[in-house]
Amino acid sequence: MTVTLPLVLVLGVIAWAAIKFLGIRMWAAIAIALFGFWLAHTFLAPAVESGTRTGVRIVNGTHI
């Protein structure tokens, strides 16, 4: 049986847990999210996407 979770859902749970249990302030989480949106519009976006895809493949065990 295969279970799939969207990466955004996993990251959302991690962010919620960091705010709730680690004491990360909401303004810091919002600033980091805004930085992510800004980073998506730079020349680094393809490298970030490629690295994320590779990381997901490694976690899934499909990396050759």
Protein backbone atom coordinates (compact mmCIF):
# COMPACT_ATOMS: atom_id res chain seq x y z
CA MET A 1 0.00 0.00 0.00
CA THR A 2 1.37 3.38 -1.00
CA VAL A 3 0.60 6.50 0.99
CA THR A 4 1.29 9.87 -0.60
CA LEU A 5 1.42 13.19 1.20
CA PRO A 6 1.88 16.55 -0.46
CA LEU A 7 5.18 18.14 0.57
CA VAL A 8 3.36 21.36 1.46
CA LEU A 9 1.25 19.43 3.99
CA VAL A 10 4.33 17.91 5.62
CA LEU A 11 6.07 21.29 5.77
CA GLY A 12 2.90 22.87 7.18
CA VAL A 13 2.79 20.32 10.00
CA ILE A 14 6.47 20.92 10.74
CA ALA A 15 5.88 24.70 10.81
CA TRP A 16 2.86 24.30 13.11
CA ALA A 17 4.85 22.05 15.46
CA ALA A 18 7.75 24.53 15.52
CA ILE A 19 5.41 27.38 16.44
CA LYS A 20 3.50 25.31 19.00
CA PHE A 21 6.24 23.30 20.71
CA LEU A 22 9.56 25.03 19.97
CA GLY A 23 8.36 28.54 20.69
CA ILE A 24 9.09 29.92 17.24
CA ARG A 25 7.30 33.26 17.03
CA MET A 26 4.63 33.71 14.38
CA TRP A 27 6.37 36.74 12.85
CA ALA A 28 9.52 34.65 12.30
CA ALA A 29 7.54 31.90 10.57
CA ILE A 30 5.83 34.48 8.35
CA ALA A 31 9.18 36.09 7.50
CA ILE A 32 10.62 32.70 6.54
CA ALA A 33 7.56 31.92 4.38
CA LEU A 34 7.85 35.28 2.62
CA PHE A 35 11.55 34.63 2.03
CA GLY A 36 10.58 31.32 0.40
CA PHE A 37 8.19 33.10 -1.96
CA TRP A 38 10.88 35.64 -2.81
CA LEU A 39 13.46 32.88 -3.36
CA ALA A 40 11.08 31.15 -5.78
CA HIS A 41 11.41 34.16 -8.11
CA THR A 42 15.21 34.22 -8.22
CA PHE A 43 17.77 32.34 -10.27
CA LEU A 44 18.14 29.85 -7.37
CA ALA A 45 14.61 28.46 -7.81
CA PRO A 46 15.59 25.63 -10.20
CA ALA A 47 18.39 24.50 -7.87
CA VAL A 48 16.05 24.53 -4.85
CA GLU A 49 13.42 22.55 -6.76
CA SER A 50 15.98 20.03 -7.97
CA GLY A 51 17.38 19.59 -4.48
CA THR A 52 13.91 19.12 -3.04
CA ARG A 53 13.01 16.51 -5.65
CA THR A 54 16.27 14.64 -5.01
CA GLY A 55 15.65 14.72 -1.26
CA VAL A 56 12.13 13.35 -1.70
CA ARG A 57 13.44 10.58 -3.95
CA ILE A 58 16.05 9.63 -1.36
CA VAL A 59 13.44 9.53 1.42
CA ASN A 60 11.15 7.43 -0.79
CA GLY A 61 13.99 5.06 -1.64
CA THR A 62 13.72 5.60 -5.39
CA HIS A 63 17.10 7.31 -5.79
CA ILE A 64 19.45 5.42 -8.07
